[in-house]
Amino acid sequence: MFIDEMPPVNNTTTTRIKKVSSGAVNSGTGNQVIILEACQQELEQTKRTAADLQKENEFLRAQFDTKDALIASKEETIELLKAAFNRPN
């Protein structure tokens, strides 16, 4: 069945949310109160953590690239030493 052939979905749910004092939001049923300021602080902390992890990732990638360069340099040095050692005087 293609998307164009699918029947419309009629089982949607509506939640009423109203703002109450001190930046809180209360759902229409009264089951859950969400403090907006706490959510915003958590979001900002998550963004800072993500930025810190991104910086650490970039640093580790740079270290990885440096490691590869050092290994290549070591192998080249070994080859040069072998060539110099085996050279007739």
C-alpha atoms as a PDB file:
ATOM      1  CA  MET A   1       0.000   0.000   0.000  1.00  0.00           C
ATOM      2  CA  PHE A   2       1.350   3.397  -0.979  1.00  0.00           C
ATOM      3  CA  ILE A   3       1.117   6.492   1.191  1.00  0.00           C
ATOM      4  CA  ASP A   4      -1.400   8.037  -1.198  1.00  0.00           C
ATOM      5  CA  GLU A   5      -3.664   5.002  -0.791  1.00  0.00           C
ATOM      6  CA  MET A   6      -3.579   4.919   3.031  1.00  0.00           C
ATOM      7  CA  PRO A   7      -6.721   5.982   4.899  1.00  0.00           C
ATOM      8  CA  PRO A   8      -6.474   9.098   7.064  1.00  0.00           C
ATOM      9  CA  VAL A   9      -5.577   8.639  10.730  1.00  0.00           C
ATOM     10  CA  ASN A  10      -8.321   9.727  13.102  1.00  0.00           C
ATOM     11  CA  ASN A  11      -6.958   8.594  16.457  1.00  0.00           C
ATOM     12  CA  THR A  12      -5.281  11.829  17.579  1.00  0.00           C
ATOM     13  CA  THR A  13      -5.121  13.012  21.168  1.00  0.00           C
ATOM     14  CA  THR A  14      -5.227  16.610  22.279  1.00  0.00           C
ATOM     15  CA  THR A  15      -3.572  17.803  25.480  1.00  0.00           C
ATOM     16  CA  ARG A  16      -4.474  21.185  26.805  1.00  0.00           C
ATOM     17  CA  ILE A  17      -1.621  23.058  28.410  1.00  0.00           C
ATOM     18  CA  LYS A  18      -2.015  26.267  30.316  1.00  0.00           C
ATOM     19  CA  LYS A  19       0.589  28.489  31.890  1.00  0.00           C
ATOM     20  CA  VAL A  20       0.440  28.853  35.633  1.00  0.00           C
ATOM     21  CA  SER A  21       2.446  31.083  37.944  1.00  0.00           C
ATOM     22  CA  SER A  22       6.279  31.118  38.117  1.00  0.00           C
ATOM     23  CA  GLY A  23       6.925  29.756  34.652  1.00  0.00           C
ATOM     24  CA  ALA A  24       5.280  26.401  35.222  1.00  0.00           C
ATOM     25  CA  VAL A  25       3.051  24.657  32.730  1.00  0.00           C
ATOM     26  CA  ASN A  26       0.177  22.491  33.863  1.00  0.00           C
ATOM     27  CA  SER A  27      -1.543  19.980  31.616  1.00  0.00           C
ATOM     28  CA  GLY A  28      -5.306  20.013  31.485  1.00  0.00           C
ATOM     29  CA  THR A  29      -5.578  16.806  33.509  1.00  0.00           C
ATOM     30  CA  GLY A  30      -3.383  18.084  36.323  1.00  0.00           C
ATOM     31  CA  ASN A  31      -1.197  14.982  36.175  1.00  0.00           C
ATOM     32  CA  GLN A  32       2.048  16.720  35.317  1.00  0.00           C
ATOM     33  CA  VAL A  33       3.603  20.082  36.083  1.00  0.00           C
ATOM     34  CA  ILE A  34       6.647  21.061  34.037  1.00  0.00           C
ATOM     35  CA  ILE A  35       8.896  23.834  35.266  1.00  0.00           C
ATOM     36  CA  LEU A  36      10.065  25.656  32.126  1.00  0.00           C
ATOM     37  CA  GLU A  37      13.083  27.251  33.753  1.00  0.00           C
ATOM     38  CA  ALA A  38      14.390  23.850  34.865  1.00  0.00           C
ATOM     39  CA  CYS A  39      13.940  22.478  31.347  1.00  0.00           C
ATOM     40  CA  GLN A  40      15.723  25.458  29.844  1.00  0.00           C
ATOM     41  CA  GLN A  41      18.610  25.081  32.304  1.00  0.00           C
ATOM     42  CA  GLU A  42      18.858  21.388  31.500  1.00  0.00           C
ATOM     43  CA  LEU A  43      18.837  22.192  27.776  1.00  0.00           C
ATOM     44  CA  GLU A  44      21.640  24.746  28.198  1.00  0.00           C
ATOM     45  CA  GLN A  45      23.661  22.243  30.252  1.00  0.00           C
ATOM     46  CA  THR A  46      23.140  19.618  27.552  1.00  0.00           C
ATOM     47  CA  LYS A  47      24.296  22.075  24.875  1.00  0.00           C
ATOM     48  CA  ARG A  48      27.423  22.897  26.910  1.00  0.00           C
ATOM     49  CA  THR A  49      28.126  19.196  27.406  1.00  0.00           C
ATOM     50  CA  ALA A  50      27.700  18.555  23.682  1.00  0.00           C
ATOM     51  CA  ALA A  51      30.091  21.412  22.873  1.00  0.00           C
ATOM     52  CA  ASP A  52      32.653  20.058  25.350  1.00  0.00           C
ATOM     53  CA  LEU A  53      32.372  16.591  23.851  1.00  0.00           C
ATOM     54  CA  GLN A  54      32.787  18.028  20.348  1.00  0.00           C
ATOM     55  CA  LYS A  55      35.991  19.805  21.435  1.00  0.00           C
ATOM     56  CA  GLU A  56      37.289  16.613  23.037  1.00  0.00           C
ATOM     57  CA  ASN A  57      36.450  14.681  19.862  1.00  0.00           C
ATOM     58  CA  GLU A  58      38.398  17.179  17.733  1.00  0.00           C
ATOM     59  CA  PHE A  59      41.354  16.995  20.142  1.00  0.00           C
ATOM     60  CA  LEU A  60      41.377  13.189  20.026  1.00  0.00           C
ATOM     61  CA  ARG A  61      41.198  13.210  16.230  1.00  0.00           C
ATOM     62  CA  ALA A  62      44.194  15.569  16.136  1.00  0.00           C
ATOM     63  CA  GLN A  63      46.091  13.236  18.464  1.00  0.00           C
ATOM     64  CA  PHE A  64      45.175  10.317  16.221  1.00  0.00           C
ATOM     65  CA  ASP A  65      46.503  12.149  13.159  1.00  0.00           C
ATOM     66  CA  THR A  66      49.699  13.003  15.063  1.00  0.00           C
ATOM     67  CA  LYS A  67      50.102   9.340  16.006  1.00  0.00           C
ATOM     68  CA  ASP A  68      49.853   8.334  12.353  1.00  0.00           C
ATOM     69  CA  ALA A  69      52.455  10.940  11.384  1.00  0.00           C
ATOM     70  CA  LEU A  70      54.816   9.716  14.113  1.00  0.00           C
ATOM     71  CA  ILE A  71      54.457   6.103  12.987  1.00  0.00           C
ATOM     72  CA  ALA A  72      55.177   7.074   9.376  1.00  0.00           C
ATOM     73  CA  SER A  73      58.208   9.072  10.493  1.00  0.00           C
ATOM     74  CA  LYS A  74      59.468   6.164  12.589  1.00  0.00           C
ATOM     75  CA  GLU A  75      59.131   3.750   9.682  1.00  0.00           C
ATOM     76  CA  GLU A  76      60.944   6.155   7.358  1.00  0.00           C
ATOM     77  CA  THR A  77      63.755   6.574   9.898  1.00  0.00           C
ATOM     78  CA  ILE A  78      64.110   2.809  10.233  1.00  0.00           C
ATOM     79  CA  GLU A  79      64.299   2.417   6.460  1.00  0.00           C
ATOM     80  CA  LEU A  80      66.957   5.158   6.210  1.00  0.00           C
ATOM     81  CA  LEU A  81      69.003   3.559   8.985  1.00  0.00           C
ATOM     82  CA  LYS A  82      68.749   0.149   7.313  1.00  0.00           C
ATOM     83  CA  ALA A  83      69.893   1.657   4.000  1.00  0.00           C
ATOM     84  CA  ALA A  84      72.800   3.459   5.679  1.00  0.00           C
ATOM     85  CA  PHE A  85      73.860   0.365   7.594  1.00  0.00           C
ATOM     86  CA  ASN A  86      73.790  -1.923   4.559  1.00  0.00           C
ATOM     87  CA  ARG A  87      75.673   0.554   2.349  1.00  0.00           C
ATOM     88  CA  PRO A  88      79.219  -0.494   1.497  1.00  0.00           C
ATOM     89  CA  ASN A  89      81.912   1.884   2.711  1.00  0.00           C
END
